[in-house]
Amino acid sequence: MNRSDVILELQLVPELLKQAEAIYVDALSELNWAKHMLLTKEYEVIGEGLVNGKNELQRQAEMWPHTKDLQKQVLQMEDAVEHTKVEFHFYKRKLENLQIIAKLMTIL
């Protein structure tokens, strides 16, 4: 990697990092909204008296038919958050490495 390549990368990577961070933040927001919807549904089911279990396991079993789709959605969104986090951290490390390379080039 020569000096002009490093300069070009240093100009491009911050924008890529910004985009990756925005996607990551959006994914987190969607996950939080899905968790809120799941919790709301659980409260509705309890409020309607559809859950009467005497222990936590029974309550979860009674809750499952009413919340399984939302639980699946939360799991999928958690997976999406992890994927976007990987890309965000990739660009963050790439920028840090490019900055180190640029400093080393000025020394050498």
PDB file of N, CA and C in Angstrom:
ATOM      1  N   MET A   1       0.848  -1.165   0.000  1.00  0.00           N
ATOM      2  CA  MET A   1       0.000   0.000   0.000  1.00  0.00           C
ATOM      3  C   MET A   1       0.900   1.237   0.000  1.00  0.00           C
ATOM      4  N   ASN A   2       0.754   2.050  -1.029  1.00  0.00           N
ATOM      5  CA  ASN A   2       1.586   3.252  -1.099  1.00  0.00           C
ATOM      6  C   ASN A   2       0.859   4.453  -0.476  1.00  0.00           C
ATOM      7  N   ARG A   3       1.555   5.552  -0.431  1.00  0.00           N
ATOM      8  CA  ARG A   3       1.044   6.756   0.239  1.00  0.00           C
ATOM      9  C   ARG A   3      -0.290   7.224  -0.361  1.00  0.00           C
ATOM     10  N   SER A   4      -0.407   7.219  -1.670  1.00  0.00           N
ATOM     11  CA  SER A   4      -1.655   7.695  -2.292  1.00  0.00           C
ATOM     12  C   SER A   4      -2.823   6.755  -1.988  1.00  0.00           C
ATOM     13  N   ASP A   5      -2.546   5.449  -1.887  1.00  0.00           N
ATOM     14  CA  ASP A   5      -3.599   4.497  -1.506  1.00  0.00           C
ATOM     15  C   ASP A   5      -4.095   4.775  -0.087  1.00  0.00           C
ATOM     16  N   VAL A   6      -3.168   5.047   0.810  1.00  0.00           N
ATOM     17  CA  VAL A   6      -3.528   5.335   2.201  1.00  0.00           C
ATOM     18  C   VAL A   6      -4.355   6.610   2.276  1.00  0.00           C
ATOM     19  N   ILE A   7      -3.937   7.632   1.543  1.00  0.00           N
ATOM     20  CA  ILE A   7      -4.673   8.901   1.544  1.00  0.00           C
ATOM     21  C   ILE A   7      -6.086   8.703   1.006  1.00  0.00           C
ATOM     22  N   LEU A   8      -6.202   7.956  -0.081  1.00  0.00           N
ATOM     23  CA  LEU A   8      -7.518   7.685  -0.659  1.00  0.00           C
ATOM     24  C   LEU A   8      -8.405   6.930   0.332  1.00  0.00           C
ATOM     25  N   GLU A   9      -7.849   5.897   0.939  1.00  0.00           N
ATOM     26  CA  GLU A   9      -8.611   5.113   1.925  1.00  0.00           C
ATOM     27  C   GLU A   9      -9.018   5.977   3.120  1.00  0.00           C
ATOM     28  N   LEU A  10      -8.114   6.839   3.566  1.00  0.00           N
ATOM     29  CA  LEU A  10      -8.431   7.721   4.695  1.00  0.00           C
ATOM     30  C   LEU A  10      -9.556   8.700   4.351  1.00  0.00           C
ATOM     31  N   GLN A  11      -9.728   8.981   3.080  1.00  0.00           N
ATOM     32  CA  GLN A  11     -10.819   9.850   2.660  1.00  0.00           C
ATOM     33  C   GLN A  11     -12.135   9.087   2.540  1.00  0.00           C
ATOM     34  N   LEU A  12     -12.064   7.809   2.163  1.00  0.00           N
ATOM     35  CA  LEU A  12     -13.276   7.028   1.920  1.00  0.00           C
ATOM     36  C   LEU A  12     -13.831   6.342   3.170  1.00  0.00           C
ATOM     37  N   VAL A  13     -12.967   5.810   3.990  1.00  0.00           N
ATOM     38  CA  VAL A  13     -13.402   4.970   5.110  1.00  0.00           C
ATOM     39  C   VAL A  13     -14.270   5.717   6.133  1.00  0.00           C
ATOM     40  N   PRO A  14     -13.995   6.978   6.463  1.00  0.00           N
ATOM     41  CA  PRO A  14     -14.884   7.642   7.433  1.00  0.00           C
ATOM     42  C   PRO A  14     -16.348   7.678   6.985  1.00  0.00           C
ATOM     43  N   GLU A  15     -16.572   7.888   5.705  1.00  0.00           N
ATOM     44  CA  GLU A  15     -17.956   7.893   5.209  1.00  0.00           C
ATOM     45  C   GLU A  15     -18.565   6.497   5.296  1.00  0.00           C
ATOM     46  N   LEU A  16     -17.775   5.475   4.967  1.00  0.00           N
ATOM     47  CA  LEU A  16     -18.263   4.098   5.091  1.00  0.00           C
ATOM     48  C   LEU A  16     -18.555   3.760   6.551  1.00  0.00           C
ATOM     49  N   LEU A  17     -17.712   4.238   7.438  1.00  0.00           N
ATOM     50  CA  LEU A  17     -17.923   4.030   8.872  1.00  0.00           C
ATOM     51  C   LEU A  17     -19.207   4.724   9.328  1.00  0.00           C
ATOM     52  N   LYS A  18     -19.420   5.929   8.856  1.00  0.00           N
ATOM     53  CA  LYS A  18     -20.635   6.676   9.208  1.00  0.00           C
ATOM     54  C   LYS A  18     -21.885   5.929   8.742  1.00  0.00           C
ATOM     55  N   GLN A  19     -21.851   5.415   7.521  1.00  0.00           N
ATOM     56  CA  GLN A  19     -22.989   4.664   6.991  1.00  0.00           C
ATOM     57  C   GLN A  19     -23.224   3.381   7.783  1.00  0.00           C
ATOM     58  N   ALA A  20     -22.149   2.672   8.103  1.00  0.00           N
ATOM     59  CA  ALA A  20     -22.272   1.433   8.869  1.00  0.00           C
ATOM     60  C   ALA A  20     -22.828   1.715  10.262  1.00  0.00           C
ATOM     61  N   GLU A  21     -22.396   2.815  10.858  1.00  0.00           N
ATOM     62  CA  GLU A  21     -22.898   3.173  12.187  1.00  0.00           C
ATOM     63  C   GLU A  21     -24.385   3.520  12.131  1.00  0.00           C
ATOM     64  N   ALA A  22     -24.801   4.225  11.095  1.00  0.00           N
ATOM     65  CA  ALA A  22     -26.216   4.578  10.950  1.00  0.00           C
ATOM     66  C   ALA A  22     -27.073   3.323  10.782  1.00  0.00           C
ATOM     67  N   ILE A  23     -26.588   2.381  10.000  1.00  0.00           N
ATOM     68  CA  ILE A  23     -27.317   1.122   9.805  1.00  0.00           C
ATOM     69  C   ILE A  23     -27.398   0.355  11.119  1.00  0.00           C
ATOM     70  N   TYR A  24     -26.305   0.349  11.865  1.00  0.00           N
ATOM     71  CA  TYR A  24     -26.259  -0.334  13.161  1.00  0.00           C
ATOM     72  C   TYR A  24     -27.243   0.299  14.147  1.00  0.00           C
ATOM     73  N   VAL A  25     -27.252   1.616  14.210  1.00  0.00           N
ATOM     74  CA  VAL A  25     -28.159   2.323  15.120  1.00  0.00           C
ATOM     75  C   VAL A  25     -29.615   2.077  14.721  1.00  0.00           C
ATOM     76  N   ASP A  26     -29.896   2.074  13.420  1.00  0.00           N
ATOM     77  CA  ASP A  26     -31.256   1.783  12.954  1.00  0.00           C
ATOM     78  C   ASP A  26     -31.677   0.370  13.344  1.00  0.00           C
ATOM     79  N   ALA A  27     -30.760  -0.585  13.207  1.00  0.00           N
ATOM     80  CA  ALA A  27     -31.064  -1.973  13.575  1.00  0.00           C
ATOM     81  C   ALA A  27     -31.343  -2.085  15.070  1.00  0.00           C
ATOM     82  N   LEU A  28     -30.574  -1.369  15.884  1.00  0.00           N
ATOM     83  CA  LEU A  28     -30.822  -1.367  17.332  1.00  0.00           C
ATOM     84  C   LEU A  28     -32.187  -0.764  17.653  1.00  0.00           C
ATOM     85  N   SER A  29     -32.525   0.292  16.959  1.00  0.00           N
ATOM     86  CA  SER A  29     -33.817   0.940  17.171  1.00  0.00           C
ATOM     87  C   SER A  29     -34.962  -0.005  16.813  1.00  0.00           C
ATOM     88  N   GLU A  30     -34.836  -0.695  15.688  1.00  0.00           N
ATOM     89  CA  GLU A  30     -35.860  -1.655  15.279  1.00  0.00           C
ATOM     90  C   GLU A  30     -35.967  -2.803  16.276  1.00  0.00           C
ATOM     91  N   LEU A  31     -34.838  -3.253  16.794  1.00  0.00           N
ATOM     92  CA  LEU A  31     -34.843  -4.315  17.800  1.00  0.00           C
ATOM     93  C   LEU A  31     -35.563  -3.846  19.061  1.00  0.00           C
ATOM     94  N   ASN A  32     -35.260  -2.651  19.512  1.00  0.00           N
ATOM     95  CA  ASN A  32     -35.924  -2.126  20.710  1.00  0.00           C
ATOM     96  C   ASN A  32     -37.427  -1.990  20.502  1.00  0.00           C
ATOM     97  N   TRP A  33     -37.827  -1.580  19.307  1.00  0.00           N
ATOM     98  CA  TRP A  33     -39.254  -1.467  19.001  1.00  0.00           C
ATOM     99  C   TRP A  33     -39.907  -2.850  19.015  1.00  0.00           C
ATOM    100  N   ALA A  34     -39.246  -3.853  18.454  1.00  0.00           N
ATOM    101  CA  ALA A  34     -39.791  -5.215  18.447  1.00  0.00           C
ATOM    102  C   ALA A  34     -39.917  -5.758  19.871  1.00  0.00           C
ATOM    103  N   LYS A  35     -38.930  -5.470  20.707  1.00  0.00           N
ATOM    104  CA  LYS A  35     -39.001  -5.901  22.107  1.00  0.00           C
ATOM    105  C   LYS A  35     -40.166  -5.218  22.824  1.00  0.00           C
ATOM    106  N   HIS A  36     -40.377  -3.954  22.514  1.00  0.00           N
ATOM    107  CA  HIS A  36     -41.504  -3.222  23.098  1.00  0.00           C
ATOM    108  C   HIS A  36     -42.830  -3.851  22.663  1.00  0.00           C
ATOM    109  N   MET A  37     -42.937  -4.188  21.391  1.00  0.00           N
ATOM    110  CA  MET A  37     -44.161  -4.810  20.879  1.00  0.00           C
ATOM    111  C   MET A  37     -44.402  -6.164  21.553  1.00  0.00           C
ATOM    112  N   LEU A  38     -43.342  -6.933  21.751  1.00  0.00           N
ATOM    113  CA  LEU A  38     -43.457  -8.228  22.423  1.00  0.00           C
ATOM    114  C   LEU A  38     -43.936  -8.038  23.858  1.00  0.00           C
ATOM    115  N   LEU A  39     -43.342  -7.111  24.556  1.00  0.00           N
ATOM    116  CA  LEU A  39     -43.732  -6.847  25.942  1.00  0.00           C
ATOM    117  C   LEU A  39     -45.184  -6.373  26.023  1.00  0.00           C
ATOM    118  N   THR A  40     -45.581  -5.525  25.086  1.00  0.00           N
ATOM    119  CA  THR A  40     -46.961  -5.050  25.035  1.00  0.00           C
ATOM    120  C   THR A  40     -47.921  -6.214  24.839  1.00  0.00           C
ATOM    121  N   LYS A  41     -47.581  -7.117  23.927  1.00  0.00           N
ATOM    122  CA  LYS A  41     -48.421  -8.291  23.675  1.00  0.00           C
ATOM    123  C   LYS A  41     -48.503  -9.175  24.917  1.00  0.00           C
ATOM    124  N   GLU A  42     -47.379  -9.367  25.595  1.00  0.00           N
ATOM    125  CA  GLU A  42     -47.387 -10.175  26.813  1.00  0.00           C
ATOM    126  C   GLU A  42     -48.311  -9.558  27.856  1.00  0.00           C
ATOM    127  N   TYR A  43     -48.261  -8.246  28.018  1.00  0.00           N
ATOM    128  CA  TYR A  43     -49.132  -7.575  28.983  1.00  0.00           C
ATOM    129  C   TYR A  43     -50.601  -7.703  28.584  1.00  0.00           C
ATOM    130  N   GLU A  44     -50.879  -7.623  27.287  1.00  0.00           N
ATOM    131  CA  GLU A  44     -52.252  -7.787  26.807  1.00  0.00           C
ATOM    132  C   GLU A  44     -52.773  -9.179  27.130  1.00  0.00           C
ATOM    133  N   VAL A  45     -51.951 -10.187  26.861  1.00  0.00           N
ATOM    134  CA  VAL A  45     -52.352 -11.575  27.104  1.00  0.00           C
ATOM    135  C   VAL A  45     -52.610 -11.794  28.594  1.00  0.00           C
ATOM    136  N   ILE A  46     -51.735 -11.262  29.423  1.00  0.00           N
ATOM    137  CA  ILE A  46     -51.920 -11.389  30.874  1.00  0.00           C
ATOM    138  C   ILE A  46     -53.175 -10.634  31.307  1.00  0.00           C
ATOM    139  N   GLY A  47     -53.357  -9.440  30.771  1.00  0.00           N
ATOM    140  CA  GLY A  47     -54.522  -8.622  31.113  1.00  0.00           C
ATOM    141  C   GLY A  47     -55.838  -9.265  30.715  1.00  0.00           C
ATOM    142  N   GLU A  48     -55.829 -10.031  29.638  1.00  0.00           N
ATOM    143  CA  GLU A  48     -57.039 -10.716  29.186  1.00  0.00           C
ATOM    144  C   GLU A  48     -57.297 -12.002  29.963  1.00  0.00           C
ATOM    145  N   GLY A  49     -56.404 -12.341  30.865  1.00  0.00           N
ATOM    146  CA  GLY A  49     -56.584 -13.541  31.683  1.00  0.00           C
ATOM    147  C   GLY A  49     -56.301 -14.839  30.954  1.00  0.00           C
ATOM    148  N   LEU A  50     -55.530 -14.780  29.879  1.00  0.00           N
ATOM    149  CA  LEU A  50     -55.228 -15.983  29.105  1.00  0.00           C
ATOM    150  C   LEU A  50     -54.074 -16.787  29.689  1.00  0.00           C
ATOM    151  N   VAL A  51     -53.393 -16.221  30.666  1.00  0.00           N
ATOM    152  CA  VAL A  51     -52.256 -16.893  31.295  1.00  0.00           C
ATOM    153  C   VAL A  51     -52.563 -17.044  32.783  1.00  0.00           C
ATOM    154  N   ASN A  52     -52.614 -18.297  33.231  1.00  0.00           N
ATOM    155  CA  ASN A  52     -52.949 -18.567  34.630  1.00  0.00           C
ATOM    156  C   ASN A  52     -51.916 -19.453  35.309  1.00  0.00           C
ATOM    157  N   GLY A  53     -50.820 -19.738  34.663  1.00  0.00           N
ATOM    158  CA  GLY A  53     -49.843 -20.699  35.183  1.00  0.00           C
ATOM    159  C   GLY A  53     -49.376 -20.384  36.587  1.00  0.00           C
ATOM    160  N   LYS A  54     -49.113 -21.449  37.331  1.00  0.00           N
ATOM    161  CA  LYS A  54     -48.675 -21.286  38.720  1.00  0.00           C
ATOM    162  C   LYS A  54     -47.175 -21.077  38.827  1.00  0.00           C
ATOM    163  N   ASN A  55     -46.438 -21.452  37.797  1.00  0.00           N
ATOM    164  CA  ASN A  55     -44.996 -21.208  37.821  1.00  0.00           C
ATOM    165  C   ASN A  55     -44.577 -20.585  36.491  1.00  0.00           C
ATOM    166  N   GLU A  56     -43.355 -20.128  36.443  1.00  0.00           N
ATOM    167  CA  GLU A  56     -42.858 -19.391  35.270  1.00  0.00           C
ATOM    168  C   GLU A  56     -42.916 -20.233  33.998  1.00  0.00           C
ATOM    169  N   LEU A  57     -42.572 -21.496  34.094  1.00  0.00           N
ATOM    170  CA  LEU A  57     -42.564 -22.369  32.917  1.00  0.00           C
ATOM    171  C   LEU A  57     -43.969 -22.541  32.350  1.00  0.00           C
ATOM    172  N   GLN A  58     -44.951 -22.706  33.211  1.00  0.00           N
ATOM    173  CA  GLN A  58     -46.332 -22.825  32.744  1.00  0.00           C
ATOM    174  C   GLN A  58     -46.795 -21.525  32.090  1.00  0.00           C
ATOM    175  N   ARG A  59     -46.445 -20.415  32.698  1.00  0.00           N
ATOM    176  CA  ARG A  59     -46.839 -19.120  32.129  1.00  0.00           C
ATOM    177  C   ARG A  59     -46.214 -18.921  30.747  1.00  0.00           C
ATOM    178  N   GLN A  60     -44.952 -19.300  30.612  1.00  0.00           N
ATOM    179  CA  GLN A  60     -44.293 -19.181  29.304  1.00  0.00           C
ATOM    180  C   GLN A  60     -44.968 -20.071  28.271  1.00  0.00           C
ATOM    181  N   ALA A  61     -45.340 -21.284  28.676  1.00  0.00           N
ATOM    182  CA  ALA A  61     -46.012 -22.210  27.757  1.00  0.00           C
ATOM    183  C   ALA A  61     -47.376 -21.664  27.335  1.00  0.00           C
ATOM    184  N   GLU A  62     -48.092 -21.057  28.256  1.00  0.00           N
ATOM    185  CA  GLU A  62     -49.393 -20.479  27.924  1.00  0.00           C
ATOM    186  C   GLU A  62     -49.249 -19.213  27.079  1.00  0.00           C
ATOM    187  N   MET A  63     -48.165 -18.504  27.256  1.00  0.00           N
ATOM    188  CA  MET A  63     -47.914 -17.262  26.527  1.00  0.00           C
ATOM    189  C   MET A  63     -47.475 -17.545  25.083  1.00  0.00           C
ATOM    190  N   TRP A  64     -46.780 -18.652  24.865  1.00  0.00           N
ATOM    191  CA  TRP A  64     -46.143 -18.963  23.583  1.00  0.00           C
ATOM    192  C   TRP A  64     -47.066 -18.830  22.374  1.00  0.00           C
ATOM    193  N   PRO A  65     -48.267 -19.427  22.380  1.00  0.00           N
ATOM    194  CA  PRO A  65     -49.105 -19.321  21.174  1.00  0.00           C
ATOM    195  C   PRO A  65     -49.459 -17.878  20.805  1.00  0.00           C
ATOM    196  N   HIS A  66     -49.475 -17.012  21.786  1.00  0.00           N
ATOM    197  CA  HIS A  66     -49.868 -15.618  21.550  1.00  0.00           C
ATOM    198  C   HIS A  66     -48.687 -14.732  21.144  1.00  0.00           C
ATOM    199  N   THR A  67     -47.479 -15.168  21.459  1.00  0.00           N
ATOM    200  CA  THR A  67     -46.312 -14.296  21.242  1.00  0.00           C
ATOM    201  C   THR A  67     -45.236 -14.904  20.346  1.00  0.00           C
ATOM    202  N   LYS A  68     -45.455 -16.104  19.833  1.00  0.00           N
ATOM    203  CA  LYS A  68     -44.372 -16.782  19.101  1.00  0.00           C
ATOM    204  C   LYS A  68     -43.891 -15.995  17.886  1.00  0.00           C
ATOM    205  N   ASP A  69     -44.804 -15.360  17.164  1.00  0.00           N
ATOM    206  CA  ASP A  69     -44.380 -14.593  15.981  1.00  0.00           C
ATOM    207  C   ASP A  69     -43.522 -13.391  16.377  1.00  0.00           C
ATOM    208  N   LEU A  70     -43.923 -12.716  17.447  1.00  0.00           N
ATOM    209  CA  LEU A  70     -43.137 -11.571  17.913  1.00  0.00           C
ATOM    210  C   LEU A  70     -41.791 -12.018  18.474  1.00  0.00           C
ATOM    211  N   GLN A  71     -41.765 -13.163  19.150  1.00  0.00           N
ATOM    212  CA  GLN A  71     -40.499 -13.677  19.666  1.00  0.00           C
ATOM    213  C   GLN A  71     -39.553 -14.034  18.519  1.00  0.00           C
ATOM    214  N   LYS A  72     -40.109 -14.603  17.462  1.00  0.00           N
ATOM    215  CA  LYS A  72     -39.301 -14.926  16.278  1.00  0.00           C
ATOM    216  C   LYS A  72     -38.748 -13.645  15.657  1.00  0.00           C
ATOM    217  N   GLN A  73     -39.585 -12.626  15.581  1.00  0.00           N
ATOM    218  CA  GLN A  73     -39.156 -11.343  15.019  1.00  0.00           C
ATOM    219  C   GLN A  73     -38.023 -10.737  15.846  1.00  0.00           C
ATOM    220  N   VAL A  74     -38.133 -10.803  17.167  1.00  0.00           N
ATOM    221  CA  VAL A  74     -37.078 -10.273  18.040  1.00  0.00           C
ATOM    222  C   VAL A  74     -35.774 -11.024  17.798  1.00  0.00           C
ATOM    223  N   LEU A  75     -35.841 -12.345  17.701  1.00  0.00           N
ATOM    224  CA  LEU A  75     -34.628 -13.137  17.450  1.00  0.00           C
ATOM    225  C   LEU A  75     -33.989 -12.776  16.112  1.00  0.00           C
ATOM    226  N   GLN A  76     -34.805 -12.599  15.079  1.00  0.00           N
ATOM    227  CA  GLN A  76     -34.276 -12.223  13.768  1.00  0.00           C
ATOM    228  C   GLN A  76     -33.630 -10.844  13.816  1.00  0.00           C
ATOM    229  N   MET A  77     -34.234  -9.936  14.545  1.00  0.00           N
ATOM    230  CA  MET A  77     -33.672  -8.589  14.640  1.00  0.00           C
ATOM    231  C   MET A  77     -32.397  -8.578  15.471  1.00  0.00           C
ATOM    232  N   GLU A  78     -32.320  -9.413  16.496  1.00  0.00           N
ATOM    233  CA  GLU A  78     -31.078  -9.528  17.260  1.00  0.00           C
ATOM    234  C   GLU A  78     -29.954 -10.027  16.361  1.00  0.00           C
ATOM    235  N   ASP A  79     -30.282 -10.967  15.478  1.00  0.00           N
ATOM    236  CA  ASP A  79     -29.299 -11.469  14.523  1.00  0.00           C
ATOM    237  C   ASP A  79     -28.866 -10.361  13.564  1.00  0.00           C
ATOM    238  N   ALA A  80     -29.824  -9.575  13.086  1.00  0.00           N
ATOM    239  CA  ALA A  80     -29.505  -8.470  12.176  1.00  0.00           C
ATOM    240  C   ALA A  80     -28.618  -7.434  12.861  1.00  0.00           C
ATOM    241  N   VAL A  81     -28.880  -7.164  14.131  1.00  0.00           N
ATOM    242  CA  VAL A  81     -28.055  -6.213  14.883  1.00  0.00           C
ATOM    243  C   VAL A  81     -26.620  -6.713  14.947  1.00  0.00           C
ATOM    244  N   GLU A  82     -26.444  -7.997  15.223  1.00  0.00           N
ATOM    245  CA  GLU A  82     -25.092  -8.554  15.309  1.00  0.00           C
ATOM    246  C   GLU A  82     -24.357  -8.433  13.976  1.00  0.00           C
ATOM    247  N   HIS A  83     -25.061  -8.663  12.877  1.00  0.00           N
ATOM    248  CA  HIS A  83     -24.422  -8.541  11.560  1.00  0.00           C
ATOM    249  C   HIS A  83     -24.022  -7.096  11.264  1.00  0.00           C
ATOM    250  N   THR A  84     -24.892  -6.157  11.595  1.00  0.00           N
ATOM    251  CA  THR A  84     -24.549  -4.756  11.337  1.00  0.00           C
ATOM    252  C   THR A  84     -23.433  -4.291  12.263  1.00  0.00           C
ATOM    253  N   LYS A  85     -23.389  -4.840  13.474  1.00  0.00           N
ATOM    254  CA  LYS A  85     -22.324  -4.481  14.417  1.00  0.00           C
ATOM    255  C   LYS A  85     -20.968  -4.943  13.892  1.00  0.00           C
ATOM    256  N   VAL A  86     -20.937  -6.112  13.263  1.00  0.00           N
ATOM    257  CA  VAL A  86     -19.688  -6.629  12.693  1.00  0.00           C
ATOM    258  C   VAL A  86     -19.160  -5.668  11.635  1.00  0.00           C
ATOM    259  N   GLU A  87     -20.033  -5.217  10.754  1.00  0.00           N
ATOM    260  CA  GLU A  87     -19.594  -4.301   9.696  1.00  0.00           C
ATOM    261  C   GLU A  87     -19.139  -2.963  10.274  1.00  0.00           C
ATOM    262  N   PHE A  88     -19.854  -2.457  11.255  1.00  0.00           N
ATOM    263  CA  PHE A  88     -19.467  -1.205  11.906  1.00  0.00           C
ATOM    264  C   PHE A  88     -18.073  -1.329  12.515  1.00  0.00           C
ATOM    265  N   HIS A  89     -17.836  -2.396  13.254  1.00  0.00           N
ATOM    266  CA  HIS A  89     -16.534  -2.576  13.896  1.00  0.00           C
ATOM    267  C   HIS A  89     -15.420  -2.829  12.873  1.00  0.00           C
ATOM    268  N   PHE A  90     -15.764  -3.454  11.748  1.00  0.00           N
ATOM    269  CA  PHE A  90     -14.779  -3.656  10.681  1.00  0.00           C
ATOM    270  C   PHE A  90     -14.261  -2.310  10.185  1.00  0.00           C
ATOM    271  N   TYR A  91     -15.173  -1.395   9.860  1.00  0.00           N
ATOM    272  CA  TYR A  91     -14.752  -0.088   9.350  1.00  0.00           C
ATOM    273  C   TYR A  91     -14.054   0.740  10.428  1.00  0.00           C
ATOM    274  N   LYS A  92     -14.471   0.577  11.657  1.00  0.00           N
ATOM    275  CA  LYS A  92     -13.819   1.288  12.752  1.00  0.00           C
ATOM    276  C   LYS A  92     -12.362   0.837  12.889  1.00  0.00           C
ATOM    277  N   ARG A  93     -12.152  -0.483  12.865  1.00  0.00           N
ATOM    278  CA  ARG A  93     -10.775  -0.999  12.946  1.00  0.00           C
ATOM    279  C   ARG A  93      -9.969  -0.624  11.707  1.00  0.00           C
ATOM    280  N   LYS A  94     -10.605  -0.650  10.552  1.00  0.00           N
ATOM    281  CA  LYS A  94      -9.907  -0.295   9.316  1.00  0.00           C
ATOM    282  C   LYS A  94      -9.426   1.153   9.369  1.00  0.00           C
ATOM    283  N   LEU A  95     -10.270   2.045   9.858  1.00  0.00           N
ATOM    284  CA  LEU A  95      -9.871   3.447   9.975  1.00  0.00           C
ATOM    285  C   LEU A  95      -8.720   3.600  10.963  1.00  0.00           C
ATOM    286  N   GLU A  96      -8.811   2.927  12.092  1.00  0.00           N
ATOM    287  CA  GLU A  96      -7.725   2.988  13.081  1.00  0.00           C
ATOM    288  C   GLU A  96      -6.416   2.473  12.483  1.00  0.00           C
ATOM    289  N   ASN A  97      -6.488   1.376  11.751  1.00  0.00           N
ATOM    290  CA  ASN A  97      -5.288   0.815  11.125  1.00  0.00           C
ATOM    291  C   ASN A  97      -4.709   1.753  10.069  1.00  0.00           C
ATOM    292  N   LEU A  98      -5.576   2.367   9.285  1.00  0.00           N
ATOM    293  CA  LEU A  98      -5.099   3.316   8.274  1.00  0.00           C
ATOM    294  C   LEU A  98      -4.416   4.514   8.924  1.00  0.00           C
ATOM    295  N   GLN A  99      -4.951   4.968  10.036  1.00  0.00           N
ATOM    296  CA  GLN A  99      -4.334   6.093  10.738  1.00  0.00           C
ATOM    297  C   GLN A  99      -2.955   5.711  11.266  1.00  0.00           C
ATOM    298  N   ILE A 100      -2.823   4.499  11.756  1.00  0.00           N
ATOM    299  CA  ILE A 100      -1.519   4.020  12.228  1.00  0.00           C
ATOM    300  C   ILE A 100      -0.545   3.911  11.064  1.00  0.00           C
ATOM    301  N   ILE A 101      -1.008   3.375   9.947  1.00  0.00           N
ATOM    302  CA  ILE A 101      -0.154   3.246   8.760  1.00  0.00           C
ATOM    303  C   ILE A 101       0.313   4.624   8.299  1.00  0.00           C
ATOM    304  N   ALA A 102      -0.607   5.596   8.286  1.00  0.00           N
ATOM    305  CA  ALA A 102      -0.245   6.957   7.862  1.00  0.00           C
ATOM    306  C   ALA A 102       0.815   7.550   8.784  1.00  0.00           C
ATOM    307  N   LYS A 103       0.681   7.324  10.085  1.00  0.00           N
ATOM    308  CA  LYS A 103       1.689   7.824  11.029  1.00  0.00           C
ATOM    309  C   LYS A 103       3.035   7.149  10.791  1.00  0.00           C
ATOM    310  N   LEU A 104       2.999   5.849  10.552  1.00  0.00           N
ATOM    311  CA  LEU A 104       4.244   5.123  10.295  1.00  0.00           C
ATOM    312  C   LEU A 104       4.911   5.600   9.007  1.00  0.00           C
ATOM    313  N   MET A 105       4.122   5.937   8.010  1.00  0.00           N
ATOM    314  CA  MET A 105       4.687   6.414   6.744  1.00  0.00           C
ATOM    315  C   MET A 105       5.401   7.749   6.928  1.00  0.00           C
ATOM    316  N   THR A 106       4.918   8.559   7.836  1.00  0.00           N
ATOM    317  CA  THR A 106       5.588   9.842   8.061  1.00  0.00           C
ATOM    318  C   THR A 106       6.893   9.653   8.820  1.00  0.00           C
ATOM    319  N   ILE A 107       6.958   8.599   9.638  1.00  0.00           N
ATOM    320  CA  ILE A 107       8.179   8.308  10.400  1.00  0.00           C
ATOM    321  C   ILE A 107       9.248   7.709   9.502  1.00  0.00           C
ATOM    322  N   LEU A 108       8.825   6.813   8.621  1.00  0.00           N
ATOM    323  CA  LEU A 108       9.794   6.089   7.778  1.00  0.00           C
ATOM    324  C   LEU A 108      10.223   6.863   6.579  1.00  0.00           C
TER     325      LEU A 108
END
